[in-house]
Amino acid sequence: MQDSPSNQETSSSPQGFKQFFQKNKTGIGLGILVLYLLLLGLGTVGEVWEIEWILDLPLFRPPGKY
């Protein structure tokens, strides 16, 4: 089965992106929430137990520390 040119146009256009986002909004939001919670937990563990390799990750480094 061949895709017609109109189907290919909508998948790469902003309209196609909007449709994709509307269909997957819940999954994308849940994935972002899970990622946030994992990073929050990792940072908390690093701070509470002073685990240096976690605190030396670029995400958790204080400003100005190389």
C-alpha atoms as a PDB file:
ATOM      1  CA  MET A   1       0.000   0.000   0.000  1.00  0.00           C
ATOM      2  CA  GLN A   2       1.445   3.337  -1.016  1.00  0.00           C
ATOM      3  CA  ASP A   3       1.031   6.530   0.968  1.00  0.00           C
ATOM      4  CA  SER A   4      -0.546   9.311  -0.972  1.00  0.00           C
ATOM      5  CA  PRO A   5       1.325  12.633  -1.053  1.00  0.00           C
ATOM      6  CA  SER A   6      -1.349  14.232   1.125  1.00  0.00           C
ATOM      7  CA  ASN A   7      -0.685  11.702   3.922  1.00  0.00           C
ATOM      8  CA  GLN A   8       3.037  12.370   3.801  1.00  0.00           C
ATOM      9  CA  GLU A   9       2.464  16.132   3.893  1.00  0.00           C
ATOM     10  CA  THR A  10       0.330  16.072   7.030  1.00  0.00           C
ATOM     11  CA  SER A  11       2.748  13.877   8.980  1.00  0.00           C
ATOM     12  CA  SER A  12       5.605  16.363   8.552  1.00  0.00           C
ATOM     13  CA  SER A  13       3.551  19.529   8.881  1.00  0.00           C
ATOM     14  CA  PRO A  14       2.690  21.347  12.103  1.00  0.00           C
ATOM     15  CA  GLN A  15      -0.832  19.901  11.832  1.00  0.00           C
ATOM     16  CA  GLY A  16       0.651  16.394  11.959  1.00  0.00           C
ATOM     17  CA  PHE A  17       2.702  17.334  15.006  1.00  0.00           C
ATOM     18  CA  LYS A  18      -0.401  18.678  16.742  1.00  0.00           C
ATOM     19  CA  GLN A  19      -2.250  15.444  16.043  1.00  0.00           C
ATOM     20  CA  PHE A  20       0.673  13.392  17.355  1.00  0.00           C
ATOM     21  CA  PHE A  21       0.836  15.510  20.523  1.00  0.00           C
ATOM     22  CA  GLN A  22      -2.922  15.285  21.077  1.00  0.00           C
ATOM     23  CA  LYS A  23      -2.821  11.486  20.750  1.00  0.00           C
ATOM     24  CA  ASN A  24       0.196  11.033  23.042  1.00  0.00           C
ATOM     25  CA  LYS A  25      -0.232  13.911  25.505  1.00  0.00           C
ATOM     26  CA  THR A  26      -0.826  11.632  28.504  1.00  0.00           C
ATOM     27  CA  GLY A  27       2.136   9.379  27.773  1.00  0.00           C
ATOM     28  CA  ILE A  28       4.505  12.298  27.198  1.00  0.00           C
ATOM     29  CA  GLY A  29       3.413  13.985  30.430  1.00  0.00           C
ATOM     30  CA  LEU A  30       3.756  10.753  32.389  1.00  0.00           C
ATOM     31  CA  GLY A  31       7.240  10.151  30.957  1.00  0.00           C
ATOM     32  CA  ILE A  32       8.368  13.657  31.921  1.00  0.00           C
ATOM     33  CA  LEU A  33       6.954  13.189  35.433  1.00  0.00           C
ATOM     34  CA  VAL A  34       8.751   9.861  35.900  1.00  0.00           C
ATOM     35  CA  LEU A  35      12.036  11.345  34.647  1.00  0.00           C
ATOM     36  CA  TYR A  36      11.639  14.290  37.030  1.00  0.00           C
ATOM     37  CA  LEU A  37      10.964  11.985  39.985  1.00  0.00           C
ATOM     38  CA  LEU A  38      13.991   9.808  39.179  1.00  0.00           C
ATOM     39  CA  LEU A  39      16.277  12.839  39.000  1.00  0.00           C
ATOM     40  CA  LEU A  40      14.780  14.262  42.190  1.00  0.00           C
ATOM     41  CA  GLY A  41      15.347  10.964  43.998  1.00  0.00           C
ATOM     42  CA  LEU A  42      18.904  10.683  42.704  1.00  0.00           C
ATOM     43  CA  GLY A  43      19.740  14.202  43.835  1.00  0.00           C
ATOM     44  CA  THR A  44      18.167  13.597  47.238  1.00  0.00           C
ATOM     45  CA  VAL A  45      20.159  10.398  47.760  1.00  0.00           C
ATOM     46  CA  GLY A  46      23.336  12.224  46.759  1.00  0.00           C
ATOM     47  CA  GLU A  47      22.704  15.056  49.214  1.00  0.00           C
ATOM     48  CA  VAL A  48      21.532  12.977  52.180  1.00  0.00           C
ATOM     49  CA  TRP A  49      24.305  10.394  52.042  1.00  0.00           C
ATOM     50  CA  GLU A  50      26.878  12.763  50.481  1.00  0.00           C
ATOM     51  CA  ILE A  51      27.664  10.506  47.543  1.00  0.00           C
ATOM     52  CA  GLU A  52      30.277  12.468  45.618  1.00  0.00           C
ATOM     53  CA  TRP A  53      29.872  10.849  42.204  1.00  0.00           C
ATOM     54  CA  ILE A  54      26.215  11.889  42.178  1.00  0.00           C
ATOM     55  CA  LEU A  55      26.981  15.402  43.367  1.00  0.00           C
ATOM     56  CA  ASP A  56      29.693  15.750  40.695  1.00  0.00           C
ATOM     57  CA  LEU A  57      27.249  15.108  37.847  1.00  0.00           C
ATOM     58  CA  PRO A  58      26.799  18.278  35.741  1.00  0.00           C
ATOM     59  CA  LEU A  59      23.102  18.425  36.592  1.00  0.00           C
ATOM     60  CA  PHE A  60      23.728  18.575  40.339  1.00  0.00           C
ATOM     61  CA  ARG A  61      26.889  20.703  40.372  1.00  0.00           C
ATOM     62  CA  PRO A  62      26.547  24.098  42.017  1.00  0.00           C
ATOM     63  CA  PRO A  63      27.171  27.123  39.768  1.00  0.00           C
ATOM     64  CA  GLY A  64      30.847  27.945  39.442  1.00  0.00           C
ATOM     65  CA  LYS A  65      32.158  24.479  40.336  1.00  0.00           C
ATOM     66  CA  TYR A  66      34.092  22.841  37.483  1.00  0.00           C
END
